[in-house]
Amino acid sequence: MPDTTRRDHRADTPPPRTGSSENEVLRGFLDYLRNSIVAKVEAAPEPRVRAAAVPSGANLLGLLNHLTAVECWTFLGDDVTDWQSTFQAAPEHGVADVVARYRDAVECANAVLDGCTDLNAPVPGPRRGRPGPSVRWALTHMIEETGRHAGHADILRELIDGSTGR
């Protein structure tokens, strides 16, 4: 049952104004979505941030934990053998831990992307027997993935404490 006694309405942040190149537009929207989901998670109260709020079992902390794994898989070539397990944060990892891990993954991903000038080229890095996706595909995928889960996070956060807004 959502806590309807508190309504925290943050001002919506409009989509970013980005540069004119395709790379700048894609990276600008990805960073915008990354910041949006962090804002949903970082002030969420324990233990409700990890409680399943919908029948699927989805929880706010698990979404950010999953996005950390996707960032590392997409841009850093990490292997993930059990995607479903990425939707749960370890019990000993609190909000600050999961947010810090996500921010570190984003920083490492951005360092890789800073060296990518050709959107058609594969994302550099280890790929155990498989070619890396193109930088364009990787950015588009991460925009879709992060946007999808940011939308889930909007709903989950509102169910936790009534907080709304981007």
C-alpha atoms as a PDB file:
ATOM      1  CA  MET A   1       0.000   0.000   0.000  1.00  0.00           C
ATOM      2  CA  PRO A   2       1.533   3.325  -0.969  1.00  0.00           C
ATOM      3  CA  ASP A   3       2.217   5.933   1.662  1.00  0.00           C
ATOM      4  CA  THR A   4      -0.129   8.707   0.601  1.00  0.00           C
ATOM      5  CA  THR A   5       0.608  10.990   3.549  1.00  0.00           C
ATOM      6  CA  ARG A   6       3.653  12.504   1.858  1.00  0.00           C
ATOM      7  CA  ARG A   7       3.648  13.890  -1.649  1.00  0.00           C
ATOM      8  CA  ASP A   8       7.033  15.005  -2.905  1.00  0.00           C
ATOM      9  CA  HIS A   9       6.637  16.609  -6.305  1.00  0.00           C
ATOM     10  CA  ARG A  10       9.963  17.435  -7.902  1.00  0.00           C
ATOM     11  CA  ALA A  11      10.005  19.785 -10.811  1.00  0.00           C
ATOM     12  CA  ASP A  12      10.179  17.902 -14.048  1.00  0.00           C
ATOM     13  CA  THR A  13      13.453  18.242 -15.852  1.00  0.00           C
ATOM     14  CA  PRO A  14      12.942  18.748 -19.576  1.00  0.00           C
ATOM     15  CA  PRO A  15      14.829  16.627 -22.102  1.00  0.00           C
ATOM     16  CA  PRO A  16      18.389  17.816 -22.640  1.00  0.00           C
ATOM     17  CA  ARG A  17      19.531  20.380 -25.125  1.00  0.00           C
ATOM     18  CA  THR A  18      22.394  18.623 -26.810  1.00  0.00           C
ATOM     19  CA  GLY A  19      24.933  19.326 -29.484  1.00  0.00           C
ATOM     20  CA  SER A  20      24.313  18.894 -33.159  1.00  0.00           C
ATOM     21  CA  SER A  21      26.148  15.627 -33.777  1.00  0.00           C
ATOM     22  CA  GLU A  22      24.443  12.253 -33.501  1.00  0.00           C
ATOM     23  CA  ASN A  23      26.948  11.181 -30.862  1.00  0.00           C
ATOM     24  CA  GLU A  24      26.244  14.253 -28.712  1.00  0.00           C
ATOM     25  CA  VAL A  25      22.492  13.735 -28.986  1.00  0.00           C
ATOM     26  CA  LEU A  26      22.667  10.044 -28.063  1.00  0.00           C
ATOM     27  CA  ARG A  27      25.037  10.594 -25.153  1.00  0.00           C
ATOM     28  CA  GLY A  28      23.047  13.599 -23.932  1.00  0.00           C
ATOM     29  CA  PHE A  29      19.822  11.603 -23.761  1.00  0.00           C
ATOM     30  CA  LEU A  30      21.551   8.632 -22.134  1.00  0.00           C
ATOM     31  CA  ASP A  31      23.079  10.825 -19.423  1.00  0.00           C
ATOM     32  CA  TYR A  32      19.702  12.502 -18.876  1.00  0.00           C
ATOM     33  CA  LEU A  33      18.065   9.110 -18.277  1.00  0.00           C
ATOM     34  CA  ARG A  34      20.944   7.913 -16.102  1.00  0.00           C
ATOM     35  CA  ASN A  35      20.535  10.969 -13.867  1.00  0.00           C
ATOM     36  CA  SER A  36      16.757  10.505 -13.759  1.00  0.00           C
ATOM     37  CA  ILE A  37      16.921   6.978 -12.398  1.00  0.00           C
ATOM     38  CA  VAL A  38      19.629   7.841  -9.866  1.00  0.00           C
ATOM     39  CA  ALA A  39      17.392  10.647  -8.563  1.00  0.00           C
ATOM     40  CA  LYS A  40      14.576   8.134  -8.064  1.00  0.00           C
ATOM     41  CA  VAL A  41      16.753   5.735  -6.098  1.00  0.00           C
ATOM     42  CA  GLU A  42      19.187   7.818  -4.048  1.00  0.00           C
ATOM     43  CA  ALA A  43      16.654   9.365  -1.661  1.00  0.00           C
ATOM     44  CA  ALA A  44      14.365   6.350  -1.404  1.00  0.00           C
ATOM     45  CA  PRO A  45      13.908   4.950   2.107  1.00  0.00           C
ATOM     46  CA  GLU A  46      15.282   1.622   3.274  1.00  0.00           C
ATOM     47  CA  PRO A  47      13.962  -1.056   3.456  1.00  0.00           C
ATOM     48  CA  ARG A  48      11.125  -0.138   1.088  1.00  0.00           C
ATOM     49  CA  VAL A  49      13.592   0.628  -1.712  1.00  0.00           C
ATOM     50  CA  ARG A  50      14.225  -3.131  -2.024  1.00  0.00           C
ATOM     51  CA  ALA A  51      10.705  -4.373  -1.333  1.00  0.00           C
ATOM     52  CA  ALA A  52       8.732  -5.865  -4.194  1.00  0.00           C
ATOM     53  CA  ALA A  53       5.977  -3.369  -4.939  1.00  0.00           C
ATOM     54  CA  VAL A  54       4.396  -5.210  -7.871  1.00  0.00           C
ATOM     55  CA  PRO A  55       3.594  -8.892  -8.523  1.00  0.00           C
ATOM     56  CA  SER A  56       6.651  -9.337 -10.760  1.00  0.00           C
ATOM     57  CA  GLY A  57       8.883  -8.693  -7.750  1.00  0.00           C
ATOM     58  CA  ALA A  58      10.460  -5.573  -9.231  1.00  0.00           C
ATOM     59  CA  ASN A  59      11.993  -3.201  -6.716  1.00  0.00           C
ATOM     60  CA  LEU A  60      13.693   0.151  -7.038  1.00  0.00           C
ATOM     61  CA  LEU A  61      17.135  -0.883  -5.803  1.00  0.00           C
ATOM     62  CA  GLY A  62      17.095  -3.968  -8.022  1.00  0.00           C
ATOM     63  CA  LEU A  63      16.397  -1.863 -11.114  1.00  0.00           C
ATOM     64  CA  LEU A  64      19.512   0.211 -10.536  1.00  0.00           C
ATOM     65  CA  ASN A  65      21.549  -2.893  -9.764  1.00  0.00           C
ATOM     66  CA  HIS A  66      20.362  -4.368 -13.083  1.00  0.00           C
ATOM     67  CA  LEU A  67      21.241  -1.208 -15.007  1.00  0.00           C
ATOM     68  CA  THR A  68      24.736  -1.353 -13.524  1.00  0.00           C
ATOM     69  CA  ALA A  69      25.148  -4.847 -14.976  1.00  0.00           C
ATOM     70  CA  VAL A  70      23.784  -3.729 -18.361  1.00  0.00           C
ATOM     71  CA  GLU A  71      26.182  -0.752 -18.499  1.00  0.00           C
ATOM     72  CA  CYS A  72      29.107  -3.074 -17.720  1.00  0.00           C
ATOM     73  CA  TRP A  73      27.984  -5.694 -20.236  1.00  0.00           C
ATOM     74  CA  THR A  74      27.316  -3.198 -23.025  1.00  0.00           C
ATOM     75  CA  PHE A  75      30.271  -0.857 -22.699  1.00  0.00           C
ATOM     76  CA  LEU A  76      32.895  -2.809 -20.739  1.00  0.00           C
ATOM     77  CA  GLY A  77      32.380  -6.326 -22.101  1.00  0.00           C
ATOM     78  CA  ASP A  78      31.547  -7.918 -18.732  1.00  0.00           C
ATOM     79  CA  ASP A  79      29.999 -11.375 -18.843  1.00  0.00           C
ATOM     80  CA  VAL A  80      26.583 -11.793 -17.282  1.00  0.00           C
ATOM     81  CA  THR A  81      25.416 -15.382 -16.926  1.00  0.00           C
ATOM     82  CA  ASP A  82      22.192 -14.817 -14.973  1.00  0.00           C
ATOM     83  CA  TRP A  83      20.373 -11.639 -15.977  1.00  0.00           C
ATOM     84  CA  GLN A  84      17.437 -12.340 -13.649  1.00  0.00           C
ATOM     85  CA  SER A  85      19.736 -12.256 -10.618  1.00  0.00           C
ATOM     86  CA  THR A  86      20.841  -8.728 -11.527  1.00  0.00           C
ATOM     87  CA  PHE A  87      17.391  -7.447 -10.561  1.00  0.00           C
ATOM     88  CA  GLN A  88      18.183  -7.940  -6.856  1.00  0.00           C
ATOM     89  CA  ALA A  89      20.779  -6.000  -4.898  1.00  0.00           C
ATOM     90  CA  ALA A  90      22.792  -7.951  -2.348  1.00  0.00           C
ATOM     91  CA  PRO A  91      21.307  -7.631   1.150  1.00  0.00           C
ATOM     92  CA  GLU A  92      24.461  -5.938   2.437  1.00  0.00           C
ATOM     93  CA  HIS A  93      24.354  -3.275  -0.314  1.00  0.00           C
ATOM     94  CA  GLY A  94      22.295  -0.262   0.657  1.00  0.00           C
ATOM     95  CA  VAL A  95      21.114   2.627  -1.458  1.00  0.00           C
ATOM     96  CA  ALA A  96      24.427   4.499  -1.244  1.00  0.00           C
ATOM     97  CA  ASP A  97      26.365   1.369  -2.274  1.00  0.00           C
ATOM     98  CA  VAL A  98      24.197   0.585  -5.298  1.00  0.00           C
ATOM     99  CA  VAL A  99      24.138   4.226  -6.433  1.00  0.00           C
ATOM    100  CA  ALA A 100      27.938   4.436  -6.087  1.00  0.00           C
ATOM    101  CA  ARG A 101      28.422   1.222  -8.089  1.00  0.00           C
ATOM    102  CA  TYR A 102      26.119   2.555 -10.814  1.00  0.00           C
ATOM    103  CA  ARG A 103      27.922   5.890 -10.952  1.00  0.00           C
ATOM    104  CA  ASP A 104      31.275   4.078 -11.168  1.00  0.00           C
ATOM    105  CA  ALA A 105      29.980   1.909 -14.023  1.00  0.00           C
ATOM    106  CA  VAL A 106      28.682   4.996 -15.848  1.00  0.00           C
ATOM    107  CA  GLU A 107      32.024   6.754 -15.377  1.00  0.00           C
ATOM    108  CA  CYS A 108      33.892   3.746 -16.808  1.00  0.00           C
ATOM    109  CA  ALA A 109      31.401   3.475 -19.685  1.00  0.00           C
ATOM    110  CA  ASN A 110      31.789   7.171 -20.447  1.00  0.00           C
ATOM    111  CA  ALA A 111      35.580   6.796 -20.471  1.00  0.00           C
ATOM    112  CA  VAL A 112      35.208   4.109 -23.131  1.00  0.00           C
ATOM    113  CA  LEU A 113      32.740   6.229 -25.090  1.00  0.00           C
ATOM    114  CA  ASP A 114      35.041   9.253 -24.943  1.00  0.00           C
ATOM    115  CA  GLY A 115      37.454   7.319 -27.118  1.00  0.00           C
ATOM    116  CA  CYS A 116      34.800   6.328 -29.665  1.00  0.00           C
ATOM    117  CA  THR A 117      34.501   8.765 -32.538  1.00  0.00           C
ATOM    118  CA  ASP A 118      32.948   6.412 -35.123  1.00  0.00           C
ATOM    119  CA  LEU A 119      29.409   5.317 -34.227  1.00  0.00           C
ATOM    120  CA  ASN A 120      29.704   2.438 -36.719  1.00  0.00           C
ATOM    121  CA  ALA A 121      32.786   0.996 -35.021  1.00  0.00           C
ATOM    122  CA  PRO A 122      32.390  -1.745 -32.422  1.00  0.00           C
ATOM    123  CA  VAL A 123      32.539  -0.821 -28.757  1.00  0.00           C
ATOM    124  CA  PRO A 124      36.105  -1.652 -27.719  1.00  0.00           C
ATOM    125  CA  GLY A 125      36.817  -4.138 -24.985  1.00  0.00           C
ATOM    126  CA  PRO A 126      36.833  -7.837 -24.203  1.00  0.00           C
ATOM    127  CA  ARG A 127      33.995  -9.879 -25.702  1.00  0.00           C
ATOM    128  CA  ARG A 128      34.707 -13.606 -25.148  1.00  0.00           C
ATOM    129  CA  GLY A 129      34.192 -14.969 -28.628  1.00  0.00           C
ATOM    130  CA  ARG A 130      31.670 -12.418 -29.821  1.00  0.00           C
ATOM    131  CA  PRO A 131      32.106  -9.121 -31.616  1.00  0.00           C
ATOM    132  CA  GLY A 132      31.225  -5.946 -29.800  1.00  0.00           C
ATOM    133  CA  PRO A 133      28.091  -4.105 -30.887  1.00  0.00           C
ATOM    134  CA  SER A 134      28.482  -0.866 -32.778  1.00  0.00           C
ATOM    135  CA  VAL A 135      28.744   2.249 -30.640  1.00  0.00           C
ATOM    136  CA  ARG A 136      25.478   3.477 -32.207  1.00  0.00           C
ATOM    137  CA  TRP A 137      23.677   0.229 -31.271  1.00  0.00           C
ATOM    138  CA  ALA A 138      25.128   0.289 -27.767  1.00  0.00           C
ATOM    139  CA  LEU A 139      24.029   3.889 -27.125  1.00  0.00           C
ATOM    140  CA  THR A 140      20.575   3.289 -28.579  1.00  0.00           C
ATOM    141  CA  HIS A 141      20.168   0.103 -26.550  1.00  0.00           C
ATOM    142  CA  MET A 142      21.209   1.840 -23.335  1.00  0.00           C
ATOM    143  CA  ILE A 143      18.803   4.722 -23.985  1.00  0.00           C
ATOM    144  CA  GLU A 144      15.984   2.201 -24.458  1.00  0.00           C
ATOM    145  CA  GLU A 145      16.999   0.066 -21.488  1.00  0.00           C
ATOM    146  CA  THR A 146      17.562   2.980 -19.116  1.00  0.00           C
ATOM    147  CA  GLY A 147      14.403   4.773 -20.262  1.00  0.00           C
ATOM    148  CA  ARG A 148      12.307   1.652 -19.789  1.00  0.00           C
ATOM    149  CA  HIS A 149      13.586   1.073 -16.283  1.00  0.00           C
ATOM    150  CA  ALA A 150      13.414   4.775 -15.398  1.00  0.00           C
ATOM    151  CA  GLY A 151       9.699   4.543 -16.178  1.00  0.00           C
ATOM    152  CA  HIS A 152       9.406   1.506 -13.915  1.00  0.00           C
ATOM    153  CA  ALA A 153      11.309   3.445 -11.252  1.00  0.00           C
ATOM    154  CA  ASP A 154       8.839   6.341 -11.518  1.00  0.00           C
ATOM    155  CA  ILE A 155       5.984   4.021 -10.624  1.00  0.00           C
ATOM    156  CA  LEU A 156       7.868   2.124  -7.917  1.00  0.00           C
ATOM    157  CA  ARG A 157       9.016   5.326  -6.223  1.00  0.00           C
ATOM    158  CA  GLU A 158       5.500   6.729  -6.214  1.00  0.00           C
ATOM    159  CA  LEU A 159       4.267   3.500  -4.620  1.00  0.00           C
ATOM    160  CA  ILE A 160       6.956   3.766  -1.940  1.00  0.00           C
ATOM    161  CA  ASP A 161       6.382   7.310  -0.732  1.00  0.00           C
ATOM    162  CA  GLY A 162       4.324   9.269  -3.251  1.00  0.00           C
ATOM    163  CA  SER A 163       7.348  11.001  -4.792  1.00  0.00           C
ATOM    164  CA  THR A 164       6.776  11.972  -8.419  1.00  0.00           C
ATOM    165  CA  GLY A 165       8.611  13.897 -11.117  1.00  0.00           C
ATOM    166  CA  ARG A 166      11.774  13.229 -13.093  1.00  0.00           C
END
